[in-house]
C-alpha atoms as a PDB file:
ATOM      1  CA  MET A   1     104.012 113.305  82.004  1.00  0.00           C
ATOM      2  CA  THR A   2     105.023 111.545  78.719  1.00  0.00           C
ATOM      3  CA  ARG A   3     102.715 109.564  76.768  1.00  0.00           C
ATOM      4  CA  THR A   4     104.821 106.210  77.735  1.00  0.00           C
ATOM      5  CA  ARG A   5     104.065 106.798  80.988  1.00  0.00           C
ATOM      6  CA  ARG A   6     100.451 107.478  80.748  1.00  0.00           C
ATOM      7  CA  TRP A   7     100.561 104.128  78.987  1.00  0.00           C
ATOM      8  CA  LEU A   8     101.848 102.198  82.276  1.00  0.00           C
ATOM      9  CA  LEU A   9     100.284 103.830  84.636  1.00  0.00           C
ATOM     10  CA  HIS A  10      96.580 103.556  82.956  1.00  0.00           C
ATOM     11  CA  GLY A  11      97.537  99.051  82.323  1.00  0.00           C
ATOM     12  CA  ALA A  12      99.857  99.155  85.978  1.00  0.00           C
ATOM     13  CA  ALA A  13      95.672 100.317  87.935  1.00  0.00           C
ATOM     14  CA  VAL A  14      93.847  97.634  85.642  1.00  0.00           C
ATOM     15  CA  ALA A  15      96.323  94.826  86.017  1.00  0.00           C
ATOM     16  CA  VAL A  16      95.356  96.528  90.565  1.00  0.00           C
ATOM     17  CA  LEU A  17      92.194  96.314  89.623  1.00  0.00           C
ATOM     18  CA  ALA A  18      91.784  92.814  87.819  1.00  0.00           C
ATOM     19  CA  ILE A  19      93.609  91.147  90.490  1.00  0.00           C
ATOM     20  CA  VAL A  20      91.502  92.485  93.450  1.00  0.00           C
ATOM     21  CA  PHE A  21      88.173  91.338  90.618  1.00  0.00           C
ATOM     22  CA  ALA A  22      89.652  88.191  91.053  1.00  0.00           C
ATOM     23  CA  ALA A  23      89.715  87.893  94.217  1.00  0.00           C
ATOM     24  CA  TYR A  24      86.153  88.242  94.503  1.00  0.00           C
ATOM     25  CA  PHE A  25      85.994  85.279  92.437  1.00  0.00           C
ATOM     26  CA  ASN A  26      88.694  82.829  94.592  1.00  0.00           C
ATOM     27  CA  PRO A  27      88.885  83.698  98.662  1.00  0.00           C
ATOM     28  CA  HIS A  28      91.001  81.088  98.114  1.00  0.00           C
ATOM     29  CA  LEU A  29      93.641  83.763  96.956  1.00  0.00           C
ATOM     30  CA  LEU A  30      93.088  86.669  99.839  1.00  0.00           C
ATOM     31  CA  VAL A  31      93.744  83.906 102.298  1.00  0.00           C
ATOM     32  CA  GLU A  32      96.927  82.834 100.637  1.00  0.00           C
ATOM     33  CA  LEU A  33      98.237  85.873  99.811  1.00  0.00           C
ATOM     34  CA  ALA A  34      97.504  87.403 103.507  1.00  0.00           C
ATOM     35  CA  GLY A  35      98.817  83.926 104.548  1.00  0.00           C
ATOM     36  CA  ARG A  36     102.123  84.422 102.786  1.00  0.00           C
ATOM     37  CA  ALA A  37     102.378  88.408 104.049  1.00  0.00           C
ATOM     38  CA  TRP A  38     101.882  86.830 107.780  1.00  0.00           C
ATOM     39  CA  ALA A  39     104.952  84.459 106.998  1.00  0.00           C
ATOM     40  CA  CYS A  40     107.640  87.416 106.428  1.00  0.00           C
ATOM     41  CA  PHE A  41     106.908  88.583 110.596  1.00  0.00           C
END
């Protein structure tokens, strides 16, 4: 695995963790995302 690819994977993991952390501070965000996903069906 190249160094660039490893940095990209770590960056993506940190971004996902930051989004989950932010969702705990704003529960409305999680409800809105669930509503948008449900609207696709």
